[in-house]
Amino acid sequence: MATGIGEYLNKLESNKAQISRQTGISTSRINTLCNHPDSKPYADEYYKIILTAINNAGLDENHFNTAIQEIFPNLIKVNLLDKYKDLSPEARFFKKYTLQQKDIESKLNIPPGKISKYYNDKNKRTLATELITFAIALDLNVLLAFKEIYGDLS
């Protein structure tokens, strides 16, 4: 049974072997992410696979943000800044970058203390859904957030 990633790549008629060569992600890992519902893509894998597939299909890279809806239709959508909507625009801007870790984890259903693990282990990788949910919750452009973290693939 195809996963959201598998269905999306099928829709784009993507060549998984070609994506593997272009991204450095093994074909077996791509197949797992496409066919096993319990597989969880890491953020860096998701970014490379989906953006490469979009580029190979000749689509504008802004399809990356719309692909999220197709691939993760049940993604939790929370606005971390909603309770600060009555503050000034400047105050909301500052709040965006000074939220407490425990509030973020609680509202986004991230296990307590998980964000700290990224600070303490430079090799720790985040799941795609966690990074996407976080970026959406801060009203960020998800593609630009991925580019900031992983660099531009083009």
C-alpha atoms as a PDB file:
ATOM      1  CA  MET A   1       0.000   0.000   0.000  1.00  0.00           C
ATOM      2  CA  ALA A   2       1.454   3.344  -1.055  1.00  0.00           C
ATOM      3  CA  THR A   3       2.119   6.002   1.570  1.00  0.00           C
ATOM      4  CA  GLY A   4       1.435   9.686   1.012  1.00  0.00           C
ATOM      5  CA  ILE A   5       4.944  10.081  -0.366  1.00  0.00           C
ATOM      6  CA  GLY A   6       4.458   7.041  -2.614  1.00  0.00           C
ATOM      7  CA  GLU A   7       1.156   8.342  -3.956  1.00  0.00           C
ATOM      8  CA  TYR A   8       2.658  11.775  -4.581  1.00  0.00           C
ATOM      9  CA  LEU A   9       5.676  10.371  -6.427  1.00  0.00           C
ATOM     10  CA  ASN A  10       3.349   8.133  -8.470  1.00  0.00           C
ATOM     11  CA  LYS A  11       1.207  11.139  -9.339  1.00  0.00           C
ATOM     12  CA  LEU A  12       4.296  12.955 -10.631  1.00  0.00           C
ATOM     13  CA  GLU A  13       5.398   9.773 -12.453  1.00  0.00           C
ATOM     14  CA  SER A  14       8.715  10.036 -10.630  1.00  0.00           C
ATOM     15  CA  ASN A  15      11.597   7.699 -11.293  1.00  0.00           C
ATOM     16  CA  LYS A  16      12.698   6.595  -7.809  1.00  0.00           C
ATOM     17  CA  ALA A  17      16.074   5.319  -9.028  1.00  0.00           C
ATOM     18  CA  GLN A  18      16.776   8.703 -10.592  1.00  0.00           C
ATOM     19  CA  ILE A  19      15.742  10.485  -7.382  1.00  0.00           C
ATOM     20  CA  SER A  20      18.039   8.148  -5.473  1.00  0.00           C
ATOM     21  CA  ARG A  21      20.983   9.053  -7.694  1.00  0.00           C
ATOM     22  CA  GLN A  22      20.217  12.772  -7.440  1.00  0.00           C
ATOM     23  CA  THR A  23      19.711  12.864  -3.668  1.00  0.00           C
ATOM     24  CA  GLY A  24      22.089  10.201  -2.400  1.00  0.00           C
ATOM     25  CA  ILE A  25      19.210   8.494  -0.576  1.00  0.00           C
ATOM     26  CA  SER A  26      19.212   4.762  -1.249  1.00  0.00           C
ATOM     27  CA  THR A  27      16.545   3.326  -3.512  1.00  0.00           C
ATOM     28  CA  SER A  28      15.584   0.879  -0.767  1.00  0.00           C
ATOM     29  CA  ARG A  29      14.998   3.758   1.681  1.00  0.00           C
ATOM     30  CA  ILE A  30      12.904   5.633  -0.895  1.00  0.00           C
ATOM     31  CA  ASN A  31      10.897   2.460  -1.555  1.00  0.00           C
ATOM     32  CA  THR A  32      10.348   2.015   2.181  1.00  0.00           C
ATOM     33  CA  LEU A  33       9.118   5.598   2.511  1.00  0.00           C
ATOM     34  CA  CYS A  34       6.817   5.051  -0.473  1.00  0.00           C
ATOM     35  CA  ASN A  35       5.346   1.690   0.497  1.00  0.00           C
ATOM     36  CA  HIS A  36       5.404   1.148   4.249  1.00  0.00           C
ATOM     37  CA  PRO A  37       2.764   3.142   6.145  1.00  0.00           C
ATOM     38  CA  ASP A  38       4.710   2.924   9.410  1.00  0.00           C
ATOM     39  CA  SER A  39       7.866   4.459   7.884  1.00  0.00           C
ATOM     40  CA  LYS A  40       8.643   7.969   9.056  1.00  0.00           C
ATOM     41  CA  PRO A  41      10.647  10.232   6.778  1.00  0.00           C
ATOM     42  CA  TYR A  42      13.271  12.445   8.313  1.00  0.00           C
ATOM     43  CA  ALA A  43      13.000  16.097   7.373  1.00  0.00           C
ATOM     44  CA  ASP A  44      16.161  16.097   5.254  1.00  0.00           C
ATOM     45  CA  GLU A  45      15.001  13.017   3.314  1.00  0.00           C
ATOM     46  CA  TYR A  46      11.555  14.429   2.718  1.00  0.00           C
ATOM     47  CA  TYR A  47      12.983  17.731   1.486  1.00  0.00           C
ATOM     48  CA  LYS A  48      15.425  16.123  -0.932  1.00  0.00           C
ATOM     49  CA  ILE A  49      12.985  13.546  -2.295  1.00  0.00           C
ATOM     50  CA  ILE A  50       9.979  15.825  -2.762  1.00  0.00           C
ATOM     51  CA  LEU A  51      11.829  18.864  -4.099  1.00  0.00           C
ATOM     52  CA  THR A  52      13.820  16.668  -6.500  1.00  0.00           C
ATOM     53  CA  ALA A  53      10.618  14.995  -7.727  1.00  0.00           C
ATOM     54  CA  ILE A  54       8.985  18.393  -8.233  1.00  0.00           C
ATOM     55  CA  ASN A  55      12.012  19.688 -10.137  1.00  0.00           C
ATOM     56  CA  ASN A  56      12.176  16.506 -12.257  1.00  0.00           C
ATOM     57  CA  ALA A  57       8.496  16.930 -13.125  1.00  0.00           C
ATOM     58  CA  GLY A  58       9.204  20.466 -14.346  1.00  0.00           C
ATOM     59  CA  LEU A  59       7.003  22.032 -11.697  1.00  0.00           C
ATOM     60  CA  ASP A  60       7.661  25.258  -9.840  1.00  0.00           C
ATOM     61  CA  GLU A  61       9.318  24.605  -6.485  1.00  0.00           C
ATOM     62  CA  ASN A  62       6.414  26.314  -4.717  1.00  0.00           C
ATOM     63  CA  HIS A  63       4.596  23.005  -5.247  1.00  0.00           C
ATOM     64  CA  PHE A  64       6.665  21.848  -2.267  1.00  0.00           C
ATOM     65  CA  ASN A  65       4.305  23.651   0.113  1.00  0.00           C
ATOM     66  CA  THR A  66       1.159  22.348  -1.570  1.00  0.00           C
ATOM     67  CA  ALA A  67       2.602  18.814  -1.660  1.00  0.00           C
ATOM     68  CA  ILE A  68       2.505  18.808   2.129  1.00  0.00           C
ATOM     69  CA  GLN A  69      -1.303  18.838   2.062  1.00  0.00           C
ATOM     70  CA  GLU A  70      -1.389  15.834  -0.260  1.00  0.00           C
ATOM     71  CA  ILE A  71       1.286  13.826   1.519  1.00  0.00           C
ATOM     72  CA  PHE A  72       0.248  14.618   5.103  1.00  0.00           C
ATOM     73  CA  PRO A  73      -3.500  15.373   4.937  1.00  0.00           C
ATOM     74  CA  ASN A  74      -3.966  14.770   8.674  1.00  0.00           C
ATOM     75  CA  LEU A  75      -1.115  16.987   9.799  1.00  0.00           C
ATOM     76  CA  ILE A  76      -1.835  18.875  13.008  1.00  0.00           C
ATOM     77  CA  LYS A  77      -2.288  22.553  12.260  1.00  0.00           C
ATOM     78  CA  VAL A  78      -1.684  24.734  15.281  1.00  0.00           C
ATOM     79  CA  ASN A  79      -0.929  28.433  15.406  1.00  0.00           C
ATOM     80  CA  LEU A  80       1.583  28.935  18.195  1.00  0.00           C
ATOM     81  CA  LEU A  81       1.032  32.675  18.032  1.00  0.00           C
ATOM     82  CA  ASP A  82      -2.767  32.635  18.116  1.00  0.00           C
ATOM     83  CA  LYS A  83      -3.032  33.561  21.780  1.00  0.00           C
ATOM     84  CA  TYR A  84      -0.862  36.622  21.089  1.00  0.00           C
ATOM     85  CA  LYS A  85      -3.059  38.000  18.301  1.00  0.00           C
ATOM     86  CA  ASP A  86      -4.056  41.019  20.416  1.00  0.00           C
ATOM     87  CA  LEU A  87      -0.432  42.105  20.828  1.00  0.00           C
ATOM     88  CA  SER A  88       1.223  44.622  18.548  1.00  0.00           C
ATOM     89  CA  PRO A  89       2.830  43.322  15.341  1.00  0.00           C
ATOM     90  CA  GLU A  90       6.232  43.969  16.883  1.00  0.00           C
ATOM     91  CA  ALA A  91       5.385  42.025  20.031  1.00  0.00           C
ATOM     92  CA  ARG A  92       4.091  39.078  17.938  1.00  0.00           C
ATOM     93  CA  PHE A  93       7.329  39.150  15.944  1.00  0.00           C
ATOM     94  CA  PHE A  94       9.436  39.005  19.114  1.00  0.00           C
ATOM     95  CA  LYS A  95       7.192  36.299  20.582  1.00  0.00           C
ATOM     96  CA  LYS A  96       7.690  34.173  17.461  1.00  0.00           C
ATOM     97  CA  TYR A  97      11.366  33.860  18.306  1.00  0.00           C
ATOM     98  CA  THR A  98      11.101  33.628  22.086  1.00  0.00           C
ATOM     99  CA  LEU A  99       8.482  30.934  22.649  1.00  0.00           C
ATOM    100  CA  GLN A 100       9.222  28.503  25.447  1.00  0.00           C
ATOM    101  CA  GLN A 101      10.263  25.017  24.458  1.00  0.00           C
ATOM    102  CA  LYS A 102       7.752  23.306  26.727  1.00  0.00           C
ATOM    103  CA  ASP A 103       4.891  25.300  25.179  1.00  0.00           C
ATOM    104  CA  ILE A 104       6.007  24.348  21.670  1.00  0.00           C
ATOM    105  CA  GLU A 105       6.319  20.663  22.551  1.00  0.00           C
ATOM    106  CA  SER A 106       2.991  20.615  24.330  1.00  0.00           C
ATOM    107  CA  LYS A 107       0.997  22.351  21.599  1.00  0.00           C
ATOM    108  CA  LEU A 108       2.589  20.395  18.752  1.00  0.00           C
ATOM    109  CA  ASN A 109       2.409  16.986  20.463  1.00  0.00           C
ATOM    110  CA  ILE A 110       6.188  16.642  20.474  1.00  0.00           C
ATOM    111  CA  PRO A 111       7.390  14.479  23.372  1.00  0.00           C
ATOM    112  CA  PRO A 112       8.629  16.564  26.326  1.00  0.00           C
ATOM    113  CA  GLY A 113      12.336  17.298  26.125  1.00  0.00           C
ATOM    114  CA  LYS A 114      12.699  16.176  22.511  1.00  0.00           C
ATOM    115  CA  ILE A 115      13.733  19.627  21.280  1.00  0.00           C
ATOM    116  CA  SER A 116      16.558  19.639  23.860  1.00  0.00           C
ATOM    117  CA  LYS A 117      17.914  16.491  22.250  1.00  0.00           C
ATOM    118  CA  TYR A 118      18.643  18.504  19.097  1.00  0.00           C
ATOM    119  CA  TYR A 119      20.740  20.913  21.153  1.00  0.00           C
ATOM    120  CA  ASN A 120      22.699  18.123  22.813  1.00  0.00           C
ATOM    121  CA  ASP A 121      23.215  15.796  19.833  1.00  0.00           C
ATOM    122  CA  LYS A 122      24.336  17.418  16.596  1.00  0.00           C
ATOM    123  CA  ASN A 123      23.601  14.173  14.728  1.00  0.00           C
ATOM    124  CA  LYS A 124      19.950  13.971  15.887  1.00  0.00           C
ATOM    125  CA  ARG A 125      17.538  14.173  12.970  1.00  0.00           C
ATOM    126  CA  THR A 126      14.014  15.495  13.118  1.00  0.00           C
ATOM    127  CA  LEU A 127      11.020  13.888  11.496  1.00  0.00           C
ATOM    128  CA  ALA A 128       9.534  15.673   8.503  1.00  0.00           C
ATOM    129  CA  THR A 129       6.159  16.009  10.206  1.00  0.00           C
ATOM    130  CA  GLU A 130       7.707  17.685  13.259  1.00  0.00           C
ATOM    131  CA  LEU A 131       9.590  20.269  11.238  1.00  0.00           C
ATOM    132  CA  ILE A 132       6.640  20.936   8.927  1.00  0.00           C
ATOM    133  CA  THR A 133       4.228  21.284  11.853  1.00  0.00           C
ATOM    134  CA  PHE A 134       6.626  23.641  13.631  1.00  0.00           C
ATOM    135  CA  ALA A 135       7.089  25.848  10.548  1.00  0.00           C
ATOM    136  CA  ILE A 136       3.339  26.007   9.900  1.00  0.00           C
ATOM    137  CA  ALA A 137       2.661  26.778  13.564  1.00  0.00           C
ATOM    138  CA  LEU A 138       4.957  29.801  13.306  1.00  0.00           C
ATOM    139  CA  ASP A 139       3.364  30.861  10.011  1.00  0.00           C
ATOM    140  CA  LEU A 140       6.617  30.333   8.133  1.00  0.00           C
ATOM    141  CA  ASN A 141       6.984  29.376   4.504  1.00  0.00           C
ATOM    142  CA  VAL A 142       7.835  25.688   4.902  1.00  0.00           C
ATOM    143  CA  LEU A 143       9.994  25.503   1.782  1.00  0.00           C
ATOM    144  CA  LEU A 144      12.052  28.500   2.908  1.00  0.00           C
ATOM    145  CA  ALA A 145      12.463  26.938   6.347  1.00  0.00           C
ATOM    146  CA  PHE A 146      13.773  23.719   4.777  1.00  0.00           C
ATOM    147  CA  LYS A 147      16.120  25.700   2.532  1.00  0.00           C
ATOM    148  CA  GLU A 148      17.450  27.616   5.524  1.00  0.00           C
ATOM    149  CA  ILE A 149      18.236  24.369   7.308  1.00  0.00           C
ATOM    150  CA  TYR A 150      19.350  22.086   4.465  1.00  0.00           C
ATOM    151  CA  GLY A 151      20.417  24.528   1.757  1.00  0.00           C
ATOM    152  CA  ASP A 152      19.104  25.135  -1.721  1.00  0.00           C
ATOM    153  CA  LEU A 153      19.105  21.997  -3.879  1.00  0.00           C
ATOM    154  CA  SER A 154      19.118  23.771  -7.224  1.00  0.00           C
END
